[in-house]
Amino acid sequence: MSASNRSMTSPEAKSEAATRPAGRREANVAARRQRILESARTLLKESGPEGLSMRKLAKDAGLSVTTLYNLLGSREAILQALIKDSDQRLEAAAPDAGAARTPLRRASRAMEGVLRYMIDNGDLLRPLIVAHFGTGYVATLGQADQGEHFRSAKDAIRAAIAEAQASGQLRKTVGQEFLEAQLYAGWGLALDQWAFGLIDDETLRLRSLSGFYVGLLAIAEPEVRPGFENELRRLERQLAAADSRRGSK
C-alpha cells in the first residue's frame, strides 16, 4: 500500500473525515438560527411585537414554521434568544470607561454606556420589553438580579464600586446585592415607561442616572459627596427642562 493510501486510511484521517459533515451541519444550523434572529429583529423594528408571528417570521427567513420550532423553539424562545443576542452585542459597557481616572467616574461611565447602547438600539429593545411586559423576563434588565443581561457593564460597575470602597470613597454600609438593587431601581421603572412611549430617550437617561447617583450618594464619604450632589443638581435641572419641553408639545 502506498504512503498516500495509508494516510487516507489512518485513524486520524478517518476521524477528520467523520467530523467534516458534522462541522458543516453545525455551521448550517448556526447560520439558519442567525437568519431567524435577523428576520425577527427586522419584524420587531418594523411592526412591533404584534407583527412577530411564527408564520410571518418563517416567510421572512425563507424557512418553514417547523424549522423555526426545531431550531429555536416557540415565539417566546425566539424573543428570549433576541434578548440574549442583544446582550452579547454589548461587549463593553463604555469603551472609554477604563480610561477614567477615578473608580467612581469609571462606574458612572459604564452606566452611561449601557444607557447609550439601549437608546441607540431602542427600535429593537422597546418592542422586546413590551412583548415581555408582565412576564418579568425583560423587566430584570433594570434590576440587580439580571442574570446574564449586560454582564460586562455590571462587572465594570461592581469592580469600580469595590475599588472606591477599598480606597475609602464609599462606605460598606450595606451588602452588595442590596446596593445594586437600589442603584438600578430607577432604571427598571424608567425602562417600562420608555418602552411604552411614556418618556423619551433623554428622560430615560436622566432618570436612570439620577437613581444611580442617589444610591451612591447614600454611602459616599464626606469628601466625595459634593461631586455627587453637583451631578444630581445638574440632572435635576435637565429633567425639569425635559419635562417642560414635553409639557409644551
C-alpha atoms as a PDB file:
ATOM      1  CA  MET A   1       0.000   0.000   0.000  1.00  0.00           C
ATOM      2  CA  SER A   2       1.371   3.417  -0.948  1.00  0.00           C
ATOM      3  CA  ALA A   3       2.095   6.078   1.632  1.00  0.00           C
ATOM      4  CA  SER A   4      -0.754   8.185   0.256  1.00  0.00           C
ATOM      5  CA  ASN A   5      -3.240   5.324   0.569  1.00  0.00           C
ATOM      6  CA  ARG A   6      -2.028   4.561   4.098  1.00  0.00           C
ATOM      7  CA  SER A   7      -2.513   8.187   5.057  1.00  0.00           C
ATOM      8  CA  MET A   8      -6.071   8.170   3.729  1.00  0.00           C
ATOM      9  CA  THR A   9      -6.981   5.106   5.814  1.00  0.00           C
ATOM     10  CA  SER A  10      -5.190   6.124   9.015  1.00  0.00           C
ATOM     11  CA  PRO A  11      -7.307   6.615  12.172  1.00  0.00           C
ATOM     12  CA  GLU A  12      -6.502  10.320  12.113  1.00  0.00           C
ATOM     13  CA  ALA A  13      -7.748  10.693   8.541  1.00  0.00           C
ATOM     14  CA  LYS A  14     -10.925   8.736   9.284  1.00  0.00           C
ATOM     15  CA  SER A  15     -11.590  10.900  12.324  1.00  0.00           C
ATOM     16  CA  GLU A  16     -11.089  14.104  10.337  1.00  0.00           C
ATOM     17  CA  ALA A  17     -13.367  12.880   7.562  1.00  0.00           C
ATOM     18  CA  ALA A  18     -16.062  11.941  10.069  1.00  0.00           C
ATOM     19  CA  THR A  19     -16.064  15.353  11.694  1.00  0.00           C
ATOM     20  CA  ARG A  20     -16.322  17.375   8.486  1.00  0.00           C
ATOM     21  CA  PRO A  21     -20.028  16.702   7.817  1.00  0.00           C
ATOM     22  CA  ALA A  22     -20.900  17.379  11.459  1.00  0.00           C
ATOM     23  CA  GLY A  23     -18.977  20.656  11.316  1.00  0.00           C
ATOM     24  CA  ARG A  24     -20.812  21.691   8.171  1.00  0.00           C
ATOM     25  CA  ARG A  25     -24.145  20.778   9.719  1.00  0.00           C
ATOM     26  CA  GLU A  26     -23.395  22.837  12.824  1.00  0.00           C
ATOM     27  CA  ALA A  27     -22.363  25.805  10.689  1.00  0.00           C
ATOM     28  CA  ASN A  28     -25.554  25.470   8.648  1.00  0.00           C
ATOM     29  CA  VAL A  29     -27.707  25.322  11.765  1.00  0.00           C
ATOM     30  CA  ALA A  30     -25.933  28.364  13.244  1.00  0.00           C
ATOM     31  CA  ALA A  31     -26.427  30.297  10.004  1.00  0.00           C
ATOM     32  CA  ARG A  32     -30.142  29.473   9.901  1.00  0.00           C
ATOM     33  CA  ARG A  33     -30.576  30.457  13.556  1.00  0.00           C
ATOM     34  CA  GLN A  34     -28.900  33.783  12.870  1.00  0.00           C
ATOM     35  CA  ARG A  35     -31.137  34.274   9.832  1.00  0.00           C
ATOM     36  CA  ILE A  36     -34.186  33.722  12.040  1.00  0.00           C
ATOM     37  CA  LEU A  37     -32.937  36.237  14.614  1.00  0.00           C
ATOM     38  CA  GLU A  38     -32.183  38.849  11.956  1.00  0.00           C
ATOM     39  CA  SER A  39     -35.664  38.401  10.484  1.00  0.00           C
ATOM     40  CA  ALA A  40     -37.244  38.596  13.944  1.00  0.00           C
ATOM     41  CA  ARG A  41     -35.250  41.757  14.679  1.00  0.00           C
ATOM     42  CA  THR A  42     -36.473  43.331  11.423  1.00  0.00           C
ATOM     43  CA  LEU A  43     -40.124  42.416  12.062  1.00  0.00           C
ATOM     44  CA  LEU A  44     -39.987  43.814  15.598  1.00  0.00           C
ATOM     45  CA  LYS A  45     -38.455  47.062  14.412  1.00  0.00           C
ATOM     46  CA  GLU A  46     -40.962  47.465  11.584  1.00  0.00           C
ATOM     47  CA  SER A  47     -44.192  46.201  13.153  1.00  0.00           C
ATOM     48  CA  GLY A  48     -43.673  45.855  16.899  1.00  0.00           C
ATOM     49  CA  PRO A  49     -44.499  42.740  18.943  1.00  0.00           C
ATOM     50  CA  GLU A  50     -47.836  42.199  17.193  1.00  0.00           C
ATOM     51  CA  GLY A  51     -46.024  41.877  13.863  1.00  0.00           C
ATOM     52  CA  LEU A  52     -43.891  38.974  15.039  1.00  0.00           C
ATOM     53  CA  SER A  53     -45.872  35.842  14.248  1.00  0.00           C
ATOM     54  CA  MET A  54     -44.265  32.482  13.545  1.00  0.00           C
ATOM     55  CA  ARG A  55     -45.838  32.406  10.089  1.00  0.00           C
ATOM     56  CA  LYS A  56     -44.529  35.871   9.136  1.00  0.00           C
ATOM     57  CA  LEU A  57     -41.151  35.079  10.613  1.00  0.00           C
ATOM     58  CA  ALA A  58     -40.866  31.821   8.679  1.00  0.00           C
ATOM     59  CA  LYS A  59     -41.758  33.570   5.424  1.00  0.00           C
ATOM     60  CA  ASP A  60     -39.305  36.407   6.025  1.00  0.00           C
ATOM     61  CA  ALA A  61     -36.485  33.989   6.932  1.00  0.00           C
ATOM     62  CA  GLY A  62     -37.237  31.702   3.986  1.00  0.00           C
ATOM     63  CA  LEU A  63     -37.788  28.709   6.260  1.00  0.00           C
ATOM     64  CA  SER A  64     -40.723  26.591   7.339  1.00  0.00           C
ATOM     65  CA  VAL A  65     -42.553  27.130  10.630  1.00  0.00           C
ATOM     66  CA  THR A  66     -41.475  23.629  11.624  1.00  0.00           C
ATOM     67  CA  THR A  67     -37.833  24.593  11.098  1.00  0.00           C
ATOM     68  CA  LEU A  68     -38.295  27.627  13.348  1.00  0.00           C
ATOM     69  CA  TYR A  69     -39.604  25.428  16.152  1.00  0.00           C
ATOM     70  CA  ASN A  70     -36.846  22.866  15.622  1.00  0.00           C
ATOM     71  CA  LEU A  71     -34.019  25.408  15.644  1.00  0.00           C
ATOM     72  CA  LEU A  72     -35.116  27.924  18.276  1.00  0.00           C
ATOM     73  CA  GLY A  73     -38.451  26.834  19.710  1.00  0.00           C
ATOM     74  CA  SER A  74     -41.571  28.892  20.319  1.00  0.00           C
ATOM     75  CA  ARG A  75     -42.131  32.605  19.685  1.00  0.00           C
ATOM     76  CA  GLU A  76     -41.274  33.204  23.349  1.00  0.00           C
ATOM     77  CA  ALA A  77     -37.999  31.313  22.972  1.00  0.00           C
ATOM     78  CA  ILE A  78     -37.142  33.390  19.902  1.00  0.00           C
ATOM     79  CA  LEU A  79     -37.786  36.614  21.823  1.00  0.00           C
ATOM     80  CA  GLN A  80     -35.526  35.404  24.616  1.00  0.00           C
ATOM     81  CA  ALA A  81     -32.849  34.481  22.077  1.00  0.00           C
ATOM     82  CA  LEU A  82     -33.084  38.028  20.690  1.00  0.00           C
ATOM     83  CA  ILE A  83     -32.531  39.479  24.154  1.00  0.00           C
ATOM     84  CA  LYS A  84     -29.512  37.247  24.684  1.00  0.00           C
ATOM     85  CA  ASP A  85     -28.166  38.201  21.266  1.00  0.00           C
ATOM     86  CA  SER A  86     -28.581  41.892  22.136  1.00  0.00           C
ATOM     87  CA  ASP A  87     -26.684  41.366  25.387  1.00  0.00           C
ATOM     88  CA  GLN A  88     -23.803  39.717  23.543  1.00  0.00           C
ATOM     89  CA  ARG A  89     -23.518  42.680  21.187  1.00  0.00           C
ATOM     90  CA  LEU A  90     -22.700  44.867  24.175  1.00  0.00           C
ATOM     91  CA  GLU A  91     -19.205  43.516  24.756  1.00  0.00           C
ATOM     92  CA  ALA A  92     -18.075  46.616  26.634  1.00  0.00           C
ATOM     93  CA  ALA A  93     -20.358  48.961  28.502  1.00  0.00           C
ATOM     94  CA  ALA A  94     -18.391  52.060  27.535  1.00  0.00           C
ATOM     95  CA  PRO A  95     -15.129  51.959  25.574  1.00  0.00           C
ATOM     96  CA  ASP A  96     -13.754  54.938  27.498  1.00  0.00           C
ATOM     97  CA  ALA A  97     -14.832  53.766  30.980  1.00  0.00           C
ATOM     98  CA  GLY A  98     -11.474  52.173  31.734  1.00  0.00           C
ATOM     99  CA  ALA A  99      -9.667  55.420  30.980  1.00  0.00           C
ATOM    100  CA  ALA A 100     -11.436  57.360  33.741  1.00  0.00           C
ATOM    101  CA  ARG A 101      -9.070  58.496  36.475  1.00  0.00           C
ATOM    102  CA  THR A 102     -11.236  57.560  39.462  1.00  0.00           C
ATOM    103  CA  PRO A 103     -13.243  54.402  40.200  1.00  0.00           C
ATOM    104  CA  LEU A 104     -16.437  56.402  40.738  1.00  0.00           C
ATOM    105  CA  ARG A 105     -16.052  58.011  37.320  1.00  0.00           C
ATOM    106  CA  ARG A 106     -15.471  54.568  35.791  1.00  0.00           C
ATOM    107  CA  ALA A 107     -18.701  53.325  37.364  1.00  0.00           C
ATOM    108  CA  SER A 108     -20.592  56.344  36.018  1.00  0.00           C
ATOM    109  CA  ARG A 109     -19.205  55.949  32.514  1.00  0.00           C
ATOM    110  CA  ALA A 110     -20.095  52.261  32.464  1.00  0.00           C
ATOM    111  CA  MET A 111     -23.673  53.067  33.440  1.00  0.00           C
ATOM    112  CA  GLU A 112     -23.853  55.820  30.841  1.00  0.00           C
ATOM    113  CA  GLY A 113     -22.539  53.353  28.255  1.00  0.00           C
ATOM    114  CA  VAL A 114     -25.363  50.895  28.931  1.00  0.00           C
ATOM    115  CA  LEU A 115     -27.965  53.637  28.623  1.00  0.00           C
ATOM    116  CA  ARG A 116     -26.405  54.876  25.393  1.00  0.00           C
ATOM    117  CA  TYR A 117     -26.471  51.336  23.989  1.00  0.00           C
ATOM    118  CA  MET A 118     -30.140  50.872  24.907  1.00  0.00           C
ATOM    119  CA  ILE A 119     -31.142  54.203  23.388  1.00  0.00           C
ATOM    120  CA  ASP A 120     -29.168  53.515  20.206  1.00  0.00           C
ATOM    121  CA  ASN A 121     -30.940  50.138  19.909  1.00  0.00           C
ATOM    122  CA  GLY A 122     -34.330  51.339  21.102  1.00  0.00           C
ATOM    123  CA  ASP A 123     -36.149  50.291  17.935  1.00  0.00           C
ATOM    124  CA  LEU A 124     -35.437  46.690  18.955  1.00  0.00           C
ATOM    125  CA  LEU A 125     -35.323  46.854  22.757  1.00  0.00           C
ATOM    126  CA  ARG A 126     -38.563  48.792  23.239  1.00  0.00           C
ATOM    127  CA  PRO A 127     -40.757  46.234  21.445  1.00  0.00           C
ATOM    128  CA  LEU A 128     -38.902  43.431  23.235  1.00  0.00           C
ATOM    129  CA  ILE A 129     -39.793  44.965  26.602  1.00  0.00           C
ATOM    130  CA  VAL A 130     -43.406  45.478  25.512  1.00  0.00           C
ATOM    131  CA  ALA A 131     -43.623  41.903  24.252  1.00  0.00           C
ATOM    132  CA  HIS A 132     -42.454  40.591  27.615  1.00  0.00           C
ATOM    133  CA  PHE A 133     -44.288  43.078  29.814  1.00  0.00           C
ATOM    134  CA  GLY A 134     -45.745  41.263  32.806  1.00  0.00           C
ATOM    135  CA  THR A 135     -43.575  38.170  32.375  1.00  0.00           C
ATOM    136  CA  GLY A 136     -40.723  39.613  34.426  1.00  0.00           C
ATOM    137  CA  TYR A 137     -38.126  38.463  31.893  1.00  0.00           C
ATOM    138  CA  VAL A 138     -37.125  41.768  30.333  1.00  0.00           C
ATOM    139  CA  ALA A 139     -38.046  43.713  33.449  1.00  0.00           C
ATOM    140  CA  THR A 140     -34.918  42.260  35.067  1.00  0.00           C
ATOM    141  CA  LEU A 141     -32.819  44.380  32.695  1.00  0.00           C
ATOM    142  CA  GLY A 142     -33.156  47.181  35.206  1.00  0.00           C
ATOM    143  CA  GLN A 143     -32.684  45.200  38.397  1.00  0.00           C
ATOM    144  CA  ALA A 144     -29.664  43.921  40.261  1.00  0.00           C
ATOM    145  CA  ASP A 145     -30.624  40.276  39.718  1.00  0.00           C
ATOM    146  CA  GLN A 146     -30.277  40.405  35.941  1.00  0.00           C
ATOM    147  CA  GLY A 147     -28.800  37.020  35.069  1.00  0.00           C
ATOM    148  CA  GLU A 148     -26.616  37.465  32.007  1.00  0.00           C
ATOM    149  CA  HIS A 149     -28.058  40.845  30.999  1.00  0.00           C
ATOM    150  CA  PHE A 150     -25.319  43.425  30.396  1.00  0.00           C
ATOM    151  CA  ARG A 151     -22.797  41.372  32.334  1.00  0.00           C
ATOM    152  CA  SER A 152     -19.808  43.383  31.100  1.00  0.00           C
ATOM    153  CA  ALA A 153     -21.402  46.611  32.329  1.00  0.00           C
ATOM    154  CA  LYS A 154     -22.404  45.181  35.688  1.00  0.00           C
ATOM    155  CA  ASP A 155     -18.949  43.723  36.212  1.00  0.00           C
ATOM    156  CA  ALA A 156     -17.333  47.063  35.367  1.00  0.00           C
ATOM    157  CA  ILE A 157     -19.636  48.935  37.762  1.00  0.00           C
ATOM    158  CA  ARG A 158     -19.221  46.348  40.530  1.00  0.00           C
ATOM    159  CA  ALA A 159     -15.425  46.422  40.240  1.00  0.00           C
ATOM    160  CA  ALA A 160     -15.324  50.229  40.272  1.00  0.00           C
ATOM    161  CA  ILE A 161     -17.544  50.421  43.343  1.00  0.00           C
ATOM    162  CA  ALA A 162     -15.437  47.810  45.143  1.00  0.00           C
ATOM    163  CA  GLU A 163     -12.318  49.857  44.358  1.00  0.00           C
ATOM    164  CA  ALA A 164     -13.992  53.033  45.631  1.00  0.00           C
ATOM    165  CA  GLN A 165     -14.908  51.244  48.859  1.00  0.00           C
ATOM    166  CA  ALA A 166     -11.395  49.888  49.258  1.00  0.00           C
ATOM    167  CA  SER A 167      -9.920  53.378  48.770  1.00  0.00           C
ATOM    168  CA  GLY A 168     -12.266  54.906  51.340  1.00  0.00           C
ATOM    169  CA  GLN A 169     -14.501  56.888  48.980  1.00  0.00           C
ATOM    170  CA  LEU A 170     -17.605  54.798  49.630  1.00  0.00           C
ATOM    171  CA  ARG A 171     -18.713  53.144  52.849  1.00  0.00           C
ATOM    172  CA  LYS A 172     -19.580  49.459  53.104  1.00  0.00           C
ATOM    173  CA  THR A 173     -22.804  50.289  54.890  1.00  0.00           C
ATOM    174  CA  VAL A 174     -24.994  47.718  53.122  1.00  0.00           C
ATOM    175  CA  GLY A 175     -24.475  44.490  51.246  1.00  0.00           C
ATOM    176  CA  GLN A 176     -23.580  44.433  47.561  1.00  0.00           C
ATOM    177  CA  GLU A 177     -26.848  42.853  46.421  1.00  0.00           C
ATOM    178  CA  PHE A 178     -28.955  45.426  48.276  1.00  0.00           C
ATOM    179  CA  LEU A 179     -26.825  48.307  46.992  1.00  0.00           C
ATOM    180  CA  GLU A 180     -27.094  47.185  43.376  1.00  0.00           C
ATOM    181  CA  ALA A 181     -30.860  46.800  43.686  1.00  0.00           C
ATOM    182  CA  GLN A 182     -31.078  50.466  44.713  1.00  0.00           C
ATOM    183  CA  LEU A 183     -28.663  51.661  42.026  1.00  0.00           C
ATOM    184  CA  TYR A 184     -30.783  50.079  39.286  1.00  0.00           C
ATOM    185  CA  ALA A 185     -34.261  50.647  40.781  1.00  0.00           C
ATOM    186  CA  GLY A 186     -34.851  53.892  38.896  1.00  0.00           C
ATOM    187  CA  TRP A 187     -33.618  52.307  35.701  1.00  0.00           C
ATOM    188  CA  GLY A 188     -36.085  49.428  35.967  1.00  0.00           C
ATOM    189  CA  LEU A 189     -39.079  51.727  36.356  1.00  0.00           C
ATOM    190  CA  ALA A 190     -37.921  54.088  33.622  1.00  0.00           C
ATOM    191  CA  LEU A 191     -37.407  51.202  31.198  1.00  0.00           C
ATOM    192  CA  ASP A 192     -41.073  50.224  31.212  1.00  0.00           C
ATOM    193  CA  GLN A 193     -42.180  53.838  30.797  1.00  0.00           C
ATOM    194  CA  TRP A 194     -39.698  54.291  27.942  1.00  0.00           C
ATOM    195  CA  ALA A 195     -40.799  51.098  26.190  1.00  0.00           C
ATOM    196  CA  PHE A 196     -44.453  52.184  26.198  1.00  0.00           C
ATOM    197  CA  GLY A 197     -43.605  55.685  24.956  1.00  0.00           C
ATOM    198  CA  LEU A 198     -44.421  57.481  28.213  1.00  0.00           C
ATOM    199  CA  ILE A 199     -40.954  59.040  28.404  1.00  0.00           C
ATOM    200  CA  ASP A 200     -38.384  59.818  25.724  1.00  0.00           C
ATOM    201  CA  ASP A 201     -34.763  58.726  25.376  1.00  0.00           C
ATOM    202  CA  GLU A 202     -33.346  61.675  27.274  1.00  0.00           C
ATOM    203  CA  THR A 203     -35.730  61.247  30.197  1.00  0.00           C
ATOM    204  CA  LEU A 204     -34.813  57.547  30.405  1.00  0.00           C
ATOM    205  CA  ARG A 205     -31.147  58.526  30.630  1.00  0.00           C
ATOM    206  CA  LEU A 206     -31.693  61.277  33.190  1.00  0.00           C
ATOM    207  CA  ARG A 207     -33.969  59.276  35.491  1.00  0.00           C
ATOM    208  CA  SER A 208     -31.716  56.231  35.384  1.00  0.00           C
ATOM    209  CA  LEU A 209     -28.612  58.247  36.189  1.00  0.00           C
ATOM    210  CA  SER A 210     -30.422  60.142  38.950  1.00  0.00           C
ATOM    211  CA  GLY A 211     -31.299  56.914  40.742  1.00  0.00           C
ATOM    212  CA  PHE A 212     -27.768  55.643  40.237  1.00  0.00           C
ATOM    213  CA  TYR A 213     -26.199  58.762  41.798  1.00  0.00           C
ATOM    214  CA  VAL A 214     -28.689  58.868  44.687  1.00  0.00           C
ATOM    215  CA  GLY A 215     -27.724  55.277  45.526  1.00  0.00           C
ATOM    216  CA  LEU A 216     -24.026  56.143  45.556  1.00  0.00           C
ATOM    217  CA  LEU A 217     -24.599  59.365  47.488  1.00  0.00           C
ATOM    218  CA  ALA A 218     -26.191  57.365  50.305  1.00  0.00           C
ATOM    219  CA  ILE A 219     -22.885  55.583  51.009  1.00  0.00           C
ATOM    220  CA  ALA A 220     -20.447  58.316  49.930  1.00  0.00           C
ATOM    221  CA  GLU A 221     -17.818  59.550  52.332  1.00  0.00           C
ATOM    222  CA  PRO A 222     -17.877  63.336  53.064  1.00  0.00           C
ATOM    223  CA  GLU A 223     -15.047  64.211  50.680  1.00  0.00           C
ATOM    224  CA  VAL A 224     -16.803  62.784  47.611  1.00  0.00           C
ATOM    225  CA  ARG A 225     -20.365  63.841  48.444  1.00  0.00           C
ATOM    226  CA  PRO A 226     -20.084  67.290  46.782  1.00  0.00           C
ATOM    227  CA  GLY A 227     -19.335  65.624  43.442  1.00  0.00           C
ATOM    228  CA  PHE A 228     -22.499  63.522  43.583  1.00  0.00           C
ATOM    229  CA  GLU A 229     -24.557  66.463  44.804  1.00  0.00           C
ATOM    230  CA  ASN A 230     -23.354  68.567  41.866  1.00  0.00           C
ATOM    231  CA  GLU A 231     -24.251  65.779  39.435  1.00  0.00           C
ATOM    232  CA  LEU A 232     -27.706  65.422  40.961  1.00  0.00           C
ATOM    233  CA  ARG A 233     -28.368  69.166  40.783  1.00  0.00           C
ATOM    234  CA  ARG A 234     -27.340  69.113  37.119  1.00  0.00           C
ATOM    235  CA  LEU A 235     -29.627  66.138  36.420  1.00  0.00           C
ATOM    236  CA  GLU A 236     -32.467  67.853  38.294  1.00  0.00           C
ATOM    237  CA  ARG A 237     -32.170  70.923  36.055  1.00  0.00           C
ATOM    238  CA  GLN A 238     -32.037  68.792  32.921  1.00  0.00           C
ATOM    239  CA  LEU A 239     -35.078  66.760  33.989  1.00  0.00           C
ATOM    240  CA  ALA A 240     -37.021  69.930  34.678  1.00  0.00           C
ATOM    241  CA  ALA A 241     -36.112  71.220  31.209  1.00  0.00           C
ATOM    242  CA  ALA A 242     -37.110  67.905  29.619  1.00  0.00           C
ATOM    243  CA  ASP A 243     -40.449  67.927  31.451  1.00  0.00           C
ATOM    244  CA  SER A 244     -41.027  71.499  30.344  1.00  0.00           C
ATOM    245  CA  ARG A 245     -40.355  70.620  26.698  1.00  0.00           C
ATOM    246  CA  ARG A 246     -42.669  67.630  26.910  1.00  0.00           C
ATOM    247  CA  GLY A 247     -45.434  69.723  28.513  1.00  0.00           C
ATOM    248  CA  SER A 248     -45.244  72.382  25.803  1.00  0.00           C
ATOM    249  CA  LYS A 249     -45.831  69.898  22.990  1.00  0.00           C
END
